[in-house]
Amino acid sequence: MMPDMPNGCALELRKVVASYGGETVVKGIDLSVAPGEFVSLLGPSGCGKSTTLRLVAGLERPVSGEIIVNGRDLTRVPPNQREMGVVFQDYALFPHMNVARNVGYGLEMRRKSSAEIAERVSEMLEMVGLGDYRDRLPGELSGGQRQRVALARALATRPAVLLLDEPFAALDRHLRSRMQHELRRIQRLMSVATIFVTHDQEEALAMSDRIAVMSQGVLSDIGEPRRIYDDPASRFALDFIGGCSKLPVTVREIGETAIFCELKGHDTLLEVQRVLGFAPVVGQPARLALRSNQIRIRQAENPDENSCPVQVKDKVFLGTSTEYTFDMGGYPVEAVEPSSNRDIAISAKALACWSKKDGWLIAQD
């Protein structure tokens, strides 16, 4: 699956297949990354995203397929000859080496001159804001500082591709957010093609030029973050990114531009303009999937919107927004409203409304 393909490629995976322990874990992946592009591999544990990164790094061998970097076939080339910068989840810093030696280690292995190493190390440490920490050992640094040392080391050799395997997993929420911005600043400054492995959808949405959603060893969807969120190409992408409420409906009418459905227990017909992953027929049970940000709370019906009476069952104040849980005819539905809007009391009755362009008709689970 290769939609939304950028022009020009720093990295190409062509029909790459990999097995582990007799099980095929990467199943014919096609993926391209443009020079300077930041692509996230997003998916649950065991979907094959870390294996894919290790294949690119040369730490695993594919059963078949090709790995091309800047037009050169590196499929059978050893890891130390691939011009890759890698940052692992645990950073893998050498505890007995100070910061400067950790950053310069890859350059030492490439037998660069002492003067070149010193200049490059100083440049990288200034770039990551650690110029005053060059003589410290990793054990004397905070988690965020160690992460920046690992990033500086990965970039010091001027890699063709930067590979990041969940590098923020050990950081607290506040530091993780700060490091996300810092990483993107540095990555844009270096203009290096980057693959970023994560299971955190918010992280992928915030950082990526494109997201490749992985499921059971295949790419379920790939595209720009807003397109992936607003118009997912697969049922898995819909479920995994953003999440949604799923209401039981029955298909009552199939028009040229919309499907008309009846919510179980209600007489009102709901108009749905998008169908995902199946071909509905009249009389068929199905599900109406709605994201929480698509639903708005109203006091009166609007003919341009779908609407259904609800009762507020719970609410959670989140600062700039408030998350409400409704009972819609016996089915739980979540909605997010700006906290600047009126506050709605628990047990209050209202109308849940959404645009007829929003939501998806999906097959019954």
Protein backbone atom coordinates (compact mmCIF):
# COMPACT_ATOMS: atom_id res chain seq x y z
CA MET A 1 0.00 0.00 0.00
CA MET A 2 1.71 3.21 -1.15
CA PRO A 3 -0.67 6.20 -1.30
CA ASP A 4 0.43 9.80 -0.67
CA MET A 5 3.92 9.00 -1.98
CA PRO A 6 6.42 11.87 -1.85
CA ASN A 7 8.58 12.73 -4.85
CA GLY A 8 12.20 11.60 -4.52
CA CYS A 9 13.29 8.95 -2.03
CA ALA A 10 16.06 8.78 0.56
CA LEU A 11 14.79 5.35 1.64
CA GLU A 12 12.70 2.71 -0.12
CA LEU A 13 11.39 -0.59 1.19
CA ARG A 14 10.23 -2.79 -1.68
CA LYS A 15 8.08 -5.84 -0.88
CA VAL A 16 10.05 -6.49 2.31
CA VAL A 17 9.20 -9.73 4.13
CA ALA A 18 10.69 -10.81 7.47
CA SER A 19 10.19 -13.80 9.75
CA TYR A 20 10.96 -14.32 13.41
CA GLY A 21 10.79 -17.67 15.15
CA GLY A 22 9.10 -19.25 12.14
CA GLU A 23 6.38 -16.57 12.04
CA THR A 24 6.12 -13.94 9.28
CA VAL A 25 6.08 -10.61 11.10
CA VAL A 26 6.58 -8.20 8.18
CA LYS A 27 4.47 -9.10 5.16
CA GLY A 28 5.60 -7.46 1.95
CA ILE A 29 5.90 -3.84 3.05
CA ASP A 30 6.34 -1.04 0.50
CA LEU A 31 7.41 2.26 2.00
CA SER A 32 9.29 5.34 0.78
CA VAL A 33 10.73 8.23 2.79
CA ALA A 34 11.71 11.47 1.07
CA PRO A 35 14.86 13.43 1.95
CA GLY A 36 14.20 15.36 5.17
CA GLU A 37 10.84 13.68 5.72
CA PHE A 38 9.69 12.48 9.16
CA VAL A 39 7.65 9.26 8.91
CA SER A 40 6.21 7.51 11.96
CA LEU A 41 5.56 3.79 12.08
CA LEU A 42 2.52 3.61 14.36
CA GLY A 43 0.84 0.51 15.68
CA PRO A 44 0.26 -1.75 18.69
CA SER A 45 2.88 -4.01 20.22
CA GLY A 46 3.73 -6.94 17.97
CA CYS A 47 2.56 -5.31 14.72
CA GLY A 48 6.07 -5.39 13.16
CA LYS A 49 7.08 -1.74 13.44
CA SER A 50 10.29 -2.28 15.45
CA THR A 51 11.22 -5.23 13.25
CA THR A 52 10.83 -2.97 10.21
CA LEU A 53 13.18 -0.42 11.76
CA ARG A 54 15.72 -3.14 12.58
CA LEU A 55 15.54 -4.35 8.97
CA VAL A 56 16.40 -0.86 7.74
CA ALA A 57 19.25 -0.64 10.26
CA GLY A 58 20.61 -4.01 9.12
CA LEU A 59 20.11 -5.61 12.55
CA GLU A 60 17.68 -8.12 10.99
CA ARG A 61 17.79 -9.78 7.55
CA PRO A 62 14.67 -9.86 5.36
CA VAL A 63 13.46 -13.12 3.84
CA SER A 64 12.83 -11.25 0.61
CA GLY A 65 12.49 -7.73 -0.74
CA GLU A 66 14.86 -4.78 -1.12
CA ILE A 67 16.03 -1.91 1.09
CA ILE A 68 17.27 1.00 -0.99
CA VAL A 69 19.02 4.09 0.44
CA ASN A 70 19.73 6.99 -1.92
CA GLY A 71 19.48 4.59 -4.86
CA ARG A 72 21.86 2.02 -3.37
CA ASP A 73 20.68 -1.51 -2.52
CA LEU A 74 21.64 -2.12 1.12
CA THR A 75 19.59 -5.27 1.65
CA ARG A 76 22.66 -7.47 2.32
CA VAL A 77 25.03 -4.73 3.51
CA PRO A 78 26.27 -5.03 7.15
CA PRO A 79 24.89 -2.50 9.69
CA ASN A 80 28.20 -0.65 10.11
CA GLN A 81 28.26 0.15 6.38
CA ARG A 82 24.72 1.48 6.05
CA GLU A 83 25.14 5.13 7.08
CA MET A 84 22.29 4.88 9.59
CA GLY A 85 21.87 6.82 12.82
CA VAL A 86 19.94 4.83 15.41
CA VAL A 87 18.46 5.88 18.77
CA PHE A 88 17.08 2.99 20.83
CA GLN A 89 14.54 3.14 23.62
CA ASP A 90 17.25 2.68 26.28
CA TYR A 91 19.65 5.06 24.42
CA ALA A 92 22.53 2.48 24.69
CA LEU A 93 25.09 5.03 25.91
CA PHE A 94 28.46 3.77 27.12
CA PRO A 95 28.39 4.36 30.90
CA HIS A 96 32.20 4.57 31.23
CA MET A 97 32.55 7.22 28.50
CA ASN A 98 31.80 10.89 29.03
CA VAL A 99 29.29 12.74 26.88
CA ALA A 100 31.86 13.93 24.32
CA ARG A 101 33.29 10.44 23.77
CA ASN A 102 29.79 8.94 23.46
CA VAL A 103 28.88 11.48 20.79
CA GLY A 104 32.15 10.97 18.93
CA TYR A 105 32.20 7.17 19.13
CA GLY A 106 30.82 6.59 15.63
CA LEU A 107 33.35 9.00 14.18
CA GLU A 108 36.17 7.17 15.98
CA MET A 109 35.00 3.88 14.44
CA ARG A 110 35.16 5.57 11.03
CA ARG A 111 38.76 6.59 11.79
CA LYS A 112 38.15 10.30 11.47
CA SER A 113 40.92 12.64 12.59
CA SER A 114 41.00 13.94 16.14
CA ALA A 115 40.47 17.49 14.93
CA GLU A 116 37.43 16.51 12.84
CA ILE A 117 35.94 14.53 15.73
CA ALA A 118 36.44 17.39 18.21
CA GLU A 119 34.85 19.91 15.83
CA ARG A 120 31.90 17.67 15.03
CA VAL A 121 31.28 16.73 18.67
CA SER A 122 31.26 20.38 19.71
CA GLU A 123 28.87 21.22 16.88
CA MET A 124 26.45 18.44 17.85
CA LEU A 125 26.53 19.20 21.57
CA GLU A 126 25.76 22.86 20.91
CA MET A 127 22.90 21.84 18.63
CA VAL A 128 21.27 19.72 21.35
CA GLY A 129 22.00 22.27 24.08
CA LEU A 130 24.61 20.22 25.97
CA GLY A 131 27.78 22.16 25.25
CA ASP A 132 28.52 22.49 28.98
CA TYR A 133 28.01 18.77 29.69
CA ARG A 134 30.73 17.26 27.51
CA ASP A 135 32.78 15.92 30.44
CA ARG A 136 29.91 14.34 32.37
CA LEU A 137 29.17 10.62 32.46
CA PRO A 138 25.73 9.33 31.37
CA GLY A 139 24.90 8.42 34.98
CA GLU A 140 25.17 12.10 35.91
CA LEU A 141 22.52 13.17 33.38
CA SER A 142 18.73 13.35 33.47
CA GLY A 143 16.62 11.17 31.16
CA GLY A 144 16.06 14.04 28.75
CA GLN A 145 19.76 14.85 28.64
CA ARG A 146 20.69 11.23 27.94
CA GLN A 147 18.14 11.19 25.14
CA ARG A 148 19.77 14.27 23.59
CA VAL A 149 23.23 12.70 23.87
CA ALA A 150 21.95 9.61 22.04
CA LEU A 151 20.43 11.82 19.34
CA ALA A 152 23.67 13.82 18.97
CA ARG A 153 25.64 10.57 18.62
CA ALA A 154 23.24 9.27 15.98
CA LEU A 155 23.51 12.48 13.95
CA ALA A 156 27.25 13.05 14.38
CA THR A 157 28.12 10.75 11.46
CA ARG A 158 25.72 12.64 9.14
CA PRO A 159 23.58 9.56 8.47
CA ALA A 160 21.53 9.11 5.33
CA VAL A 161 18.61 7.95 7.49
CA LEU A 162 17.80 8.52 11.19
CA LEU A 163 16.03 5.64 12.96
CA LEU A 164 14.27 6.21 16.29
CA ASP A 165 12.77 3.29 18.24
CA GLU A 166 10.35 4.74 20.82
CA PRO A 167 13.03 7.09 22.22
CA PHE A 168 10.64 8.90 24.58
CA ALA A 169 9.10 5.83 26.24
CA ALA A 170 11.03 6.28 29.51
CA LEU A 171 10.29 10.01 29.87
CA ASP A 172 7.47 11.59 31.88
CA ARG A 173 4.63 13.31 30.02
CA HIS A 174 5.93 16.87 30.41
CA LEU A 175 9.49 16.02 29.38
CA ARG A 176 8.25 13.84 26.53
CA SER A 177 6.31 16.76 25.06
CA ARG A 178 9.33 19.05 25.34
CA MET A 179 11.62 16.49 23.72
CA GLN A 180 9.19 15.93 20.87
CA HIS A 181 9.48 19.61 19.93
CA GLU A 182 13.26 19.52 20.38
CA LEU A 183 13.65 16.44 18.20
CA ARG A 184 11.59 17.93 15.39
CA ARG A 185 13.60 21.17 15.56
CA ILE A 186 16.87 19.27 15.23
CA GLN A 187 15.55 16.89 12.58
CA ARG A 188 14.37 19.80 10.44
CA LEU A 189 17.67 21.59 10.98
CA MET A 190 19.62 18.52 9.80
CA SER A 191 17.06 17.73 7.06
CA VAL A 192 17.59 14.01 7.54
CA ALA A 193 15.09 11.35 6.41
CA THR A 194 13.66 9.86 9.61
CA ILE A 195 11.69 6.78 10.65
CA PHE A 196 10.17 7.09 14.10
CA VAL A 197 8.64 4.01 15.78
CA THR A 198 5.87 4.63 18.31
CA HIS A 199 2.65 3.14 19.68
CA ASP A 200 1.49 6.58 20.88
CA GLN A 201 -1.02 8.05 18.43
CA GLU A 202 -0.81 11.56 19.88
CA GLU A 203 2.96 11.50 19.48
CA ALA A 204 2.67 10.37 15.86
CA LEU A 205 0.01 12.97 15.03
CA ALA A 206 2.04 15.78 16.60
CA MET A 207 5.42 14.99 15.05
CA SER A 208 4.99 13.36 11.66
CA ASP A 209 4.99 14.53 8.08
CA ARG A 210 3.34 11.19 7.31
CA ILE A 211 2.14 8.28 9.44
CA ALA A 212 2.37 4.63 8.37
CA VAL A 213 -0.19 2.68 10.42
CA MET A 214 0.88 -0.93 10.91
CA SER A 215 -1.30 -3.92 11.77
CA GLN A 216 -0.18 -7.55 11.85
CA GLY A 217 2.86 -6.95 9.66
CA VAL A 218 1.23 -4.86 6.94
CA LEU A 219 0.64 -1.16 6.34
CA SER A 220 -3.03 -0.53 7.06
CA ASP A 221 -2.88 3.13 6.00
CA ILE A 222 -0.27 5.75 5.18
CA GLY A 223 -0.62 9.48 4.72
CA GLU A 224 -0.45 12.91 6.31
CA PRO A 225 -1.66 13.04 9.94
CA ARG A 226 -4.78 15.12 9.27
CA ARG A 227 -5.85 12.87 6.39
CA ILE A 228 -5.26 9.74 8.47
CA TYR A 229 -7.37 11.16 11.30
CA ASP A 230 -10.15 12.79 9.24
CA ASP A 231 -10.40 10.23 6.45
CA PRO A 232 -8.83 6.87 7.45
CA ALA A 233 -8.43 4.36 4.64
CA SER A 234 -9.00 1.28 6.80
CA ARG A 235 -11.13 0.11 9.68
CA PHE A 236 -7.99 -0.54 11.73
CA ALA A 237 -6.74 3.04 11.24
CA LEU A 238 -10.15 4.36 12.29
CA ASP A 239 -10.12 2.29 15.46
CA PHE A 240 -6.47 2.79 16.38
CA ILE A 241 -6.11 6.53 15.73
CA GLY A 242 -8.48 8.72 17.69
CA GLY A 243 -10.93 6.04 18.72
CA CYS A 244 -14.67 6.38 18.32
CA SER A 245 -18.09 5.54 19.72
CA LYS A 246 -19.89 2.81 17.80
CA LEU A 247 -23.67 2.86 17.73
CA PRO A 248 -25.84 -0.06 16.54
CA VAL A 249 -27.89 0.92 13.51
CA THR A 250 -29.94 -0.76 10.79
CA VAL A 251 -29.55 0.24 7.13
CA ARG A 252 -32.95 1.50 5.91
CA GLU A 253 -32.17 3.19 2.60
CA ILE A 254 -29.21 3.43 0.23
CA GLY A 255 -29.10 6.64 -1.80
CA GLU A 256 -26.70 7.93 -4.42
CA THR A 257 -24.66 10.02 -1.99
CA ALA A 258 -25.68 8.76 1.44
CA ILE A 259 -26.88 5.82 3.50
CA PHE A 260 -29.88 6.29 5.80
CA CYS A 261 -29.81 4.32 9.03
CA GLU A 262 -32.01 3.88 12.05
CA LEU A 263 -30.45 3.90 15.49
CA LYS A 264 -31.62 0.95 17.51
CA GLY A 265 -34.53 2.07 19.69
CA HIS A 266 -35.10 5.35 17.78
CA ASP A 267 -37.32 6.25 14.84
CA THR A 268 -35.13 9.04 13.46
CA LEU A 269 -33.20 8.29 10.27
CA LEU A 270 -29.55 9.26 10.41
CA GLU A 271 -27.73 10.24 7.23
CA VAL A 272 -24.24 8.80 6.75
CA GLN A 273 -22.13 9.82 3.76
CA ARG A 274 -19.07 7.62 4.34
CA VAL A 275 -18.85 3.83 4.37
CA LEU A 276 -15.64 2.11 5.45
CA GLY A 277 -14.62 -1.45 4.71
CA PHE A 278 -17.86 -3.14 3.57
CA ALA A 279 -20.79 -2.92 1.14
CA PRO A 280 -24.05 -2.32 3.06
CA VAL A 281 -27.45 -3.69 2.02
CA VAL A 282 -30.92 -2.60 3.13
CA GLY A 283 -32.01 -4.25 6.36
CA GLN A 284 -28.46 -5.06 7.42
CA PRO A 285 -27.31 -4.38 11.01
CA ALA A 286 -24.21 -2.16 11.11
CA ARG A 287 -22.39 0.33 13.30
CA LEU A 288 -22.21 4.11 13.11
CA ALA A 289 -18.72 5.22 14.20
CA LEU A 290 -18.36 8.77 15.55
CA ARG A 291 -15.27 10.50 16.89
CA SER A 292 -15.69 12.49 20.10
CA ASN A 293 -14.65 15.75 18.43
CA GLN A 294 -17.36 15.35 15.76
CA ILE A 295 -20.23 15.50 18.27
CA ARG A 296 -21.63 18.80 19.54
CA ILE A 297 -24.14 19.43 22.34
CA ARG A 298 -27.20 21.43 21.27
CA GLN A 299 -30.54 22.46 22.74
CA ALA A 300 -32.40 22.53 19.42
CA GLU A 301 -32.30 20.51 16.21
CA ASN A 302 -30.57 21.78 13.08
CA PRO A 303 -31.88 20.36 9.78
CA ASP A 304 -28.33 20.25 8.38
CA GLU A 305 -27.18 17.92 11.16
CA ASN A 306 -27.98 14.49 12.50
CA SER A 307 -29.27 14.66 16.07
CA CYS A 308 -30.35 12.34 18.84
CA PRO A 309 -31.59 12.99 22.41
CA VAL A 310 -29.09 12.11 25.13
CA GLN A 311 -28.57 12.30 28.87
CA VAL A 312 -25.25 13.32 30.40
CA LYS A 313 -23.88 10.47 32.52
CA ASP A 314 -20.41 11.79 33.36
CA LYS A 315 -18.00 14.61 32.61
CA VAL A 316 -14.26 15.19 33.07
CA PHE A 317 -12.72 18.67 33.09
CA LEU A 318 -9.45 18.64 31.10
CA GLY A 319 -8.55 22.33 31.23
CA THR A 320 -9.20 23.76 27.79
CA SER A 321 -11.79 21.06 27.06
CA THR A 322 -14.36 18.97 28.90
CA GLU A 323 -15.04 15.34 28.05
CA TYR A 324 -18.67 14.24 28.35
CA THR A 325 -20.10 10.74 28.39
CA PHE A 326 -23.71 10.48 27.21
CA ASP A 327 -26.35 7.84 27.28
CA MET A 328 -27.81 7.71 23.77
CA GLY A 329 -30.73 5.33 23.95
CA GLY A 330 -28.82 2.96 26.21
CA TYR A 331 -25.49 3.27 24.39
CA PRO A 332 -22.47 5.22 25.71
CA VAL A 333 -21.16 8.03 23.53
CA GLU A 334 -18.23 10.37 24.22
CA ALA A 335 -17.97 14.00 23.15
CA VAL A 336 -15.41 16.74 23.77
CA GLU A 337 -16.52 20.36 24.15
CA PRO A 338 -14.36 23.47 24.69
CA SER A 339 -14.47 24.32 28.39
CA SER A 340 -15.32 27.91 27.42
CA ASN A 341 -18.72 26.63 26.28
CA ARG A 342 -21.55 26.33 28.78
CA ASP A 343 -21.10 23.71 31.46
CA ILE A 344 -23.63 20.88 31.26
CA ALA A 345 -24.65 19.18 34.48
CA ILE A 346 -24.61 15.43 34.99
CA SER A 347 -28.11 13.97 34.38
CA ALA A 348 -29.02 16.92 32.13
CA LYS A 349 -30.86 16.17 28.89
CA ALA A 350 -29.72 17.60 25.57
CA LEU A 351 -29.25 16.79 21.89
CA ALA A 352 -26.08 15.19 20.53
CA CYS A 353 -25.58 16.58 17.02
CA TRP A 354 -23.07 15.98 14.27
CA SER A 355 -22.60 16.96 10.64
CA LYS A 356 -24.02 14.59 8.05
CA LYS A 357 -20.54 14.57 6.51
CA ASP A 358 -19.08 13.16 9.73
CA GLY A 359 -19.04 9.59 11.00
CA TRP A 360 -18.59 6.31 9.19
CA LEU A 361 -20.84 3.35 8.56
CA ILE A 362 -18.87 0.22 9.41
CA ALA A 363 -19.65 -3.47 9.54
CA GLN A 364 -21.13 -4.91 12.71
CA ASP A 365 -18.38 -6.39 14.91
